[in-house]
Protein backbone atom coordinates (compact mmCIF):
# COMPACT_ATOMS: atom_id res chain seq x y z
CA UNK A 1 -2.54 -48.86 68.48
CA UNK A 2 0.24 -45.90 67.13
CA UNK A 3 3.28 -48.40 67.73
CA UNK A 4 5.13 -50.18 64.77
CA UNK A 5 6.60 -53.36 64.53
CA UNK A 6 8.70 -55.57 62.87
CA UNK A 7 7.63 -58.81 61.53
CA UNK A 8 10.02 -61.95 60.10
CA UNK A 9 8.62 -64.88 58.25
CA UNK A 10 11.12 -67.53 56.55
CA UNK A 11 8.54 -68.53 54.35
CA UNK A 12 5.32 -65.85 52.54
CA UNK A 13 2.03 -66.26 54.45
CA UNK A 14 -0.84 -64.20 54.87
CA UNK A 15 -1.05 -62.02 57.92
CA UNK A 16 -4.58 -60.69 59.34
CA UNK A 17 -4.03 -57.32 61.64
CA UNK A 18 -7.26 -56.77 63.78
CA UNK A 19 -7.90 -54.03 66.16
CA UNK A 20 -10.21 -51.50 67.26
CA UNK A 21 -11.83 -48.34 66.02
CA UNK A 22 -9.85 -45.33 67.02
CA UNK A 23 -12.77 -42.25 68.29
CA UNK A 24 -10.92 -39.00 67.67
CA UNK A 25 -11.98 -35.74 66.24
CA UNK A 26 -9.85 -32.41 64.55
CA UNK A 27 -10.51 -31.31 68.76
CA UNK A 28 -9.67 -34.37 70.01
CA UNK A 29 -6.54 -36.48 68.35
CA UNK A 30 -4.97 -39.90 68.71
CA UNK A 31 -1.75 -39.20 70.94
CA UNK A 32 0.86 -41.31 71.86
CA UNK A 33 3.64 -40.91 74.16
CA UNK A 34 7.02 -41.37 72.92
CA UNK A 35 10.27 -42.24 75.19
CA UNK A 36 13.96 -40.69 75.11
CA UNK A 37 15.83 -41.68 72.22
CA UNK A 38 14.64 -43.96 69.20
CA UNK A 39 10.70 -44.67 68.95
CA UNK A 40 9.21 -46.59 66.09
CA UNK A 41 5.81 -45.49 65.28
CA UNK A 42 2.88 -46.65 63.39
CA UNK A 43 0.29 -44.08 61.42
CA UNK A 44 -3.21 -44.70 63.40
CA UNK A 45 -5.66 -43.51 60.80
CA UNK A 46 -6.98 -45.32 58.16
CA UNK A 47 -5.42 -42.82 55.64
CA UNK A 48 -1.83 -41.07 55.00
CA UNK A 49 -0.55 -38.37 57.12
CA UNK A 50 1.63 -35.60 55.97
CA UNK A 51 4.70 -35.18 58.38
CA UNK A 52 4.84 -31.78 58.18
CA UNK A 53 1.50 -31.86 59.12
CA UNK A 54 2.36 -34.02 62.15
CA UNK A 55 5.23 -31.50 63.18
CA UNK A 56 3.10 -28.29 62.75
CA UNK A 57 1.11 -30.13 65.96
CA UNK A 58 4.41 -31.08 67.76
CA UNK A 59 6.48 -28.55 68.15
CA UNK A 60 10.46 -29.49 67.96
CA UNK A 61 9.78 -32.65 66.70
CA UNK A 62 12.58 -33.73 64.14
CA UNK A 63 11.91 -35.82 60.96
CA UNK A 64 11.04 -39.02 60.35
CA UNK A 65 12.77 -41.91 58.99
CA UNK A 66 11.33 -45.04 57.19
CA UNK A 67 12.53 -48.08 56.05
CA UNK A 68 12.02 -50.07 52.36
CA UNK A 69 14.95 -51.69 51.39
CA UNK A 70 16.95 -48.96 53.09
CA UNK A 71 16.88 -45.61 55.21
CA UNK A 72 14.74 -43.29 53.59
CA UNK A 73 13.93 -39.31 55.47
CA UNK A 74 9.81 -39.95 55.33
CA UNK A 75 7.95 -36.87 54.13
CA UNK A 76 5.02 -39.00 54.89
CA UNK A 77 3.32 -41.74 56.93
CA UNK A 78 1.27 -44.10 54.80
CA UNK A 79 -1.42 -45.86 56.34
CA UNK A 80 -1.00 -49.21 57.81
CA UNK A 81 2.79 -47.90 57.46
CA UNK A 82 4.79 -47.35 60.29
CA UNK A 83 8.29 -45.29 60.83
CA UNK A 84 11.00 -44.19 63.45
CA UNK A 85 11.76 -40.70 65.27
CA UNK A 86 14.30 -39.88 67.63
CA UNK A 87 13.20 -37.44 70.70
CA UNK A 88 15.97 -35.94 73.61
CA UNK A 89 13.14 -36.64 76.23
CA UNK A 90 9.71 -38.15 76.45
CA UNK A 91 6.89 -36.14 75.01
CA UNK A 92 3.44 -36.57 73.47
CA UNK A 93 2.68 -37.06 69.71
CA UNK A 94 -0.37 -36.00 68.60
CA UNK A 95 -1.73 -37.22 65.33
CA UNK A 96 -3.73 -34.64 63.74
CA UNK A 97 -6.73 -35.71 61.98
CA UNK A 98 -5.79 -33.99 58.71
CA UNK A 99 -7.10 -35.39 55.28
CA UNK A 100 -4.00 -33.97 53.19
CA UNK A 101 -5.14 -34.05 49.96
CA UNK A 102 -1.79 -33.52 48.22
CA UNK A 103 -0.79 -37.39 49.63
CA UNK A 104 -4.18 -39.10 49.46
CA UNK A 105 -5.12 -38.24 45.89
CA UNK A 106 -1.98 -40.08 43.78
CA UNK A 107 0.26 -36.66 43.87
CA UNK A 108 3.30 -37.08 45.96
CA UNK A 109 5.76 -34.11 47.25
CA UNK A 110 9.19 -34.62 47.68
CA UNK A 111 11.17 -31.83 47.17
CA UNK A 112 13.94 -31.59 49.52
CA UNK A 113 13.39 -28.47 51.77
CA UNK A 114 14.93 -25.26 51.54
CA UNK A 115 16.81 -26.62 48.02
CA UNK A 116 18.71 -23.23 47.44
CA UNK A 117 21.33 -21.76 45.63
CA UNK A 118 24.76 -21.41 48.24
CA UNK A 119 24.53 -17.77 48.20
CA UNK A 120 20.39 -17.59 50.33
CA UNK A 121 20.41 -17.94 54.28
CA UNK A 122 18.79 -21.29 54.20
CA UNK A 123 20.44 -25.02 52.16
CA UNK A 124 21.64 -27.92 51.86
CA UNK A 125 23.18 -30.56 50.14
CA UNK A 126 21.71 -34.10 50.42
CA UNK A 127 24.87 -37.38 49.64
CA UNK A 128 23.75 -40.32 48.10
CA UNK A 129 26.26 -43.37 49.06
CA UNK A 130 26.47 -46.28 47.22
CA UNK A 131 28.67 -48.98 48.24
CA UNK A 132 27.74 -51.86 45.88
CA UNK A 133 25.66 -53.40 48.20
CA UNK A 134 23.77 -50.62 50.08
CA UNK A 135 22.67 -47.27 49.53
CA UNK A 136 22.38 -44.22 52.17
CA UNK A 137 20.50 -41.32 51.09
CA UNK A 138 19.85 -40.08 54.72
CA UNK A 139 23.14 -38.01 54.63
CA UNK A 140 24.04 -33.82 54.29
CA UNK A 141 25.08 -31.06 55.44
CA UNK A 142 23.91 -27.06 54.94
CA UNK A 143 23.19 -24.26 56.64
CA UNK A 144 19.66 -22.38 58.15
CA UNK A 145 19.18 -18.93 59.72
CA UNK A 146 16.85 -20.92 62.41
CA UNK A 147 19.58 -23.87 62.91
CA UNK A 148 21.46 -24.23 66.48
CA UNK A 149 25.22 -25.52 66.36
CA UNK A 150 23.40 -28.49 68.75
CA UNK A 151 21.30 -30.51 67.89
CA UNK A 152 17.89 -29.35 66.30
CA UNK A 153 14.81 -30.58 64.07
CA UNK A 154 16.58 -29.84 60.66
CA UNK A 155 19.70 -32.24 61.96
CA UNK A 156 19.45 -35.95 61.01
CA UNK A 157 20.92 -39.14 63.22
CA UNK A 158 22.33 -42.23 61.45
CA UNK A 159 19.49 -45.46 62.77
CA UNK A 160 20.56 -48.00 65.12
CA UNK A 161 22.11 -50.88 62.96
CA UNK A 162 19.36 -53.48 62.45
CA UNK A 163 20.82 -55.49 60.35
CA UNK A 164 24.86 -56.81 59.43
CA UNK A 165 25.33 -54.50 56.38
CA UNK A 166 25.59 -50.77 57.08
CA UNK A 167 26.65 -47.76 55.05
CA UNK A 168 26.69 -45.02 57.28
CA UNK A 169 27.98 -41.00 57.09
CA UNK A 170 29.58 -40.19 60.64
CA UNK A 171 30.17 -36.32 61.47
CA UNK A 172 31.98 -35.57 64.00
CA UNK A 173 29.58 -34.59 66.31
CA UNK A 174 27.03 -36.80 68.08
CA UNK A 175 24.43 -36.89 70.64
CA UNK A 176 24.56 -40.51 72.90
CA UNK A 177 25.32 -43.08 70.61
CA UNK A 178 24.29 -42.06 67.56
CA UNK A 179 26.67 -39.78 65.25
CA UNK A 180 25.06 -37.23 63.03
CA UNK A 181 24.61 -38.02 59.57
CA UNK A 182 23.47 -34.56 58.58
CA UNK A 183 24.59 -31.43 59.96
CA UNK A 184 22.88 -28.18 59.58
CA UNK A 185 24.20 -25.68 61.19
CA UNK A 186 23.52 -21.33 61.66
CA UNK A 187 23.98 -19.36 58.67
CA UNK A 188 27.69 -18.12 58.08
CA UNK A 189 29.87 -17.05 55.36
CA UNK A 190 32.19 -19.63 55.58
CA UNK A 191 32.42 -23.03 57.47
CA UNK A 192 34.07 -26.94 57.17
CA UNK A 193 31.98 -30.05 57.70
CA UNK A 194 34.14 -32.92 59.19
CA UNK A 195 32.64 -36.83 58.69
CA UNK A 196 34.03 -40.22 57.95
CA UNK A 197 32.14 -42.71 55.74
CA UNK A 198 32.05 -46.54 57.55
CA UNK A 199 30.96 -49.59 55.42
CA UNK A 200 30.36 -53.22 55.97
CA UNK A 201 30.61 -54.38 52.49
CA UNK A 202 33.42 -56.43 51.16
CA UNK A 203 34.10 -54.38 47.97
CA UNK A 204 36.50 -51.34 48.29
CA UNK A 205 34.79 -48.70 46.08
CA UNK A 206 32.21 -46.28 47.37
CA UNK A 207 30.20 -43.86 45.42
CA UNK A 208 29.75 -39.94 47.16
CA UNK A 209 27.42 -38.54 44.45
CA UNK A 210 25.24 -34.81 45.33
CA UNK A 211 22.79 -32.62 43.07
CA UNK A 212 24.65 -29.38 42.47
CA UNK A 213 22.21 -27.97 39.91
CA UNK A 214 20.85 -25.40 42.56
CA UNK A 215 24.18 -24.47 43.58
CA UNK A 216 23.95 -20.92 41.57
CA UNK A 217 26.27 -18.77 39.75
CA UNK A 218 28.42 -17.23 41.95
CA UNK A 219 31.48 -16.65 44.16
CA UNK A 220 31.06 -19.11 47.26
CA UNK A 221 32.80 -22.31 46.16
CA UNK A 222 32.15 -25.79 47.98
CA UNK A 223 34.95 -28.40 48.25
CA UNK A 224 35.13 -31.71 49.32
CA UNK A 225 38.27 -32.50 50.58
CA UNK A 226 39.83 -35.90 50.73
CA UNK A 227 42.13 -36.13 53.85
CA UNK A 228 43.83 -39.55 53.53
CA UNK A 229 44.95 -38.47 49.77
CA UNK A 230 45.31 -35.08 50.49
CA UNK A 231 42.90 -34.39 47.66
CA UNK A 232 40.80 -31.71 46.51
CA UNK A 233 37.15 -32.23 44.52
CA UNK A 234 35.32 -29.20 42.85
CA UNK A 235 31.64 -29.71 44.44
CA UNK A 236 30.17 -27.12 42.07
CA UNK A 237 31.82 -28.41 38.82
CA UNK A 238 31.37 -32.35 39.07
CA UNK A 239 28.52 -34.27 40.96
CA UNK A 240 30.33 -37.19 42.13
CA UNK A 241 33.00 -38.70 44.03
CA UNK A 242 34.48 -42.38 43.62
CA UNK A 243 37.13 -43.33 46.32
CA UNK A 244 39.22 -46.67 47.38
CA UNK A 245 37.43 -46.86 51.74
CA UNK A 246 41.25 -48.70 52.41
CA UNK A 247 42.85 -45.10 51.97
CA UNK A 248 39.87 -42.53 52.34
CA UNK A 249 38.12 -42.90 55.63
CA UNK A 250 37.91 -39.07 57.00
CA UNK A 251 36.57 -36.34 54.59
CA UNK A 252 35.82 -32.15 55.11
CA UNK A 253 33.18 -30.15 53.17
CA UNK A 254 34.68 -26.70 53.13
CA UNK A 255 32.14 -23.92 52.16
CA UNK A 256 33.23 -20.01 51.69
CA UNK A 257 34.74 -17.50 49.69
CA UNK A 258 38.61 -18.61 47.92
CA UNK A 259 40.66 -17.29 50.49
CA UNK A 260 39.10 -19.72 53.30
CA UNK A 261 39.43 -22.67 50.81
CA UNK A 262 42.94 -22.08 49.90
CA UNK A 263 43.46 -22.11 54.20
CA UNK A 264 41.40 -25.19 54.43
CA UNK A 265 43.27 -27.42 51.65
CA UNK A 266 46.57 -26.94 52.20
CA UNK A 267 48.97 -30.15 51.55
CA UNK A 268 49.77 -31.08 55.51
CA UNK A 269 51.41 -34.18 54.37
CA UNK A 270 53.18 -35.84 51.37
CA UNK A 271 50.60 -38.85 50.07
CA UNK A 272 51.99 -41.09 47.21
CA UNK A 273 49.28 -42.16 45.08
CA UNK A 274 49.40 -45.46 42.48
CA UNK A 275 51.10 -44.71 39.04
CA UNK A 276 48.68 -44.45 36.17
CA UNK A 277 49.49 -46.48 34.80
CA UNK A 278 51.84 -48.54 36.24
CA UNK A 279 54.91 -49.00 34.34
CA UNK A 280 55.96 -52.13 36.39
CA UNK A 281 52.65 -53.62 35.01
CA UNK A 282 52.48 -56.26 32.19
């Protein structure tokens, strides 16, 4: 009860799951013991659970990860489904006996938390990364006045590689063997995030996308810096960047006023780009 499992089958088959009824109430919710590191959990009830309700009942509980053909940051744990949660140390997990109508009546709340202008104290940007084989939607960066430079519930980690195919954004920070996939830092007027992208795809082209519709009309700049090509991309002006993973492996996101941006995108080496059009072609 409360645990989740993978089941793989070569052919389509019918599976019957049986179990005992869980006797719980609001004063005595179901409780599960989490081990240090990654835990695979399941919804013990016959109704959907909003993960914010679960977090409210478990202080400092991090985000939920779900899988449905790809990893995602889960906002809900539906009945008869499971997910993953990573904790720094062993702790109990209480599942509140709370049937939230917002996710049990057909309505789904999927608004990105603190999706605010760049001048706000709390803001974040989520990346969508596509290499032609796999899509990654669990990566990003941002700021929050309650965040820490160490790990906190605002951050996110890359998942263990359960499959041969992987597409990861690895920030420069890690805890144990796991790199940060999302790094939320304390609110500052300027900051630089460093990360690399790793892909198992045979395709060399990778697309990096983000939503800049909420950045706001202000004098704060946000620049994606391709370290390999020494190329700057204005993230407020465009919402995607396509690169060749054999040439572009490391990146920076630079946040701040114009002078800070110029200081951090100064060219440190000469990079020769392929001529377009290629005069030797044809």
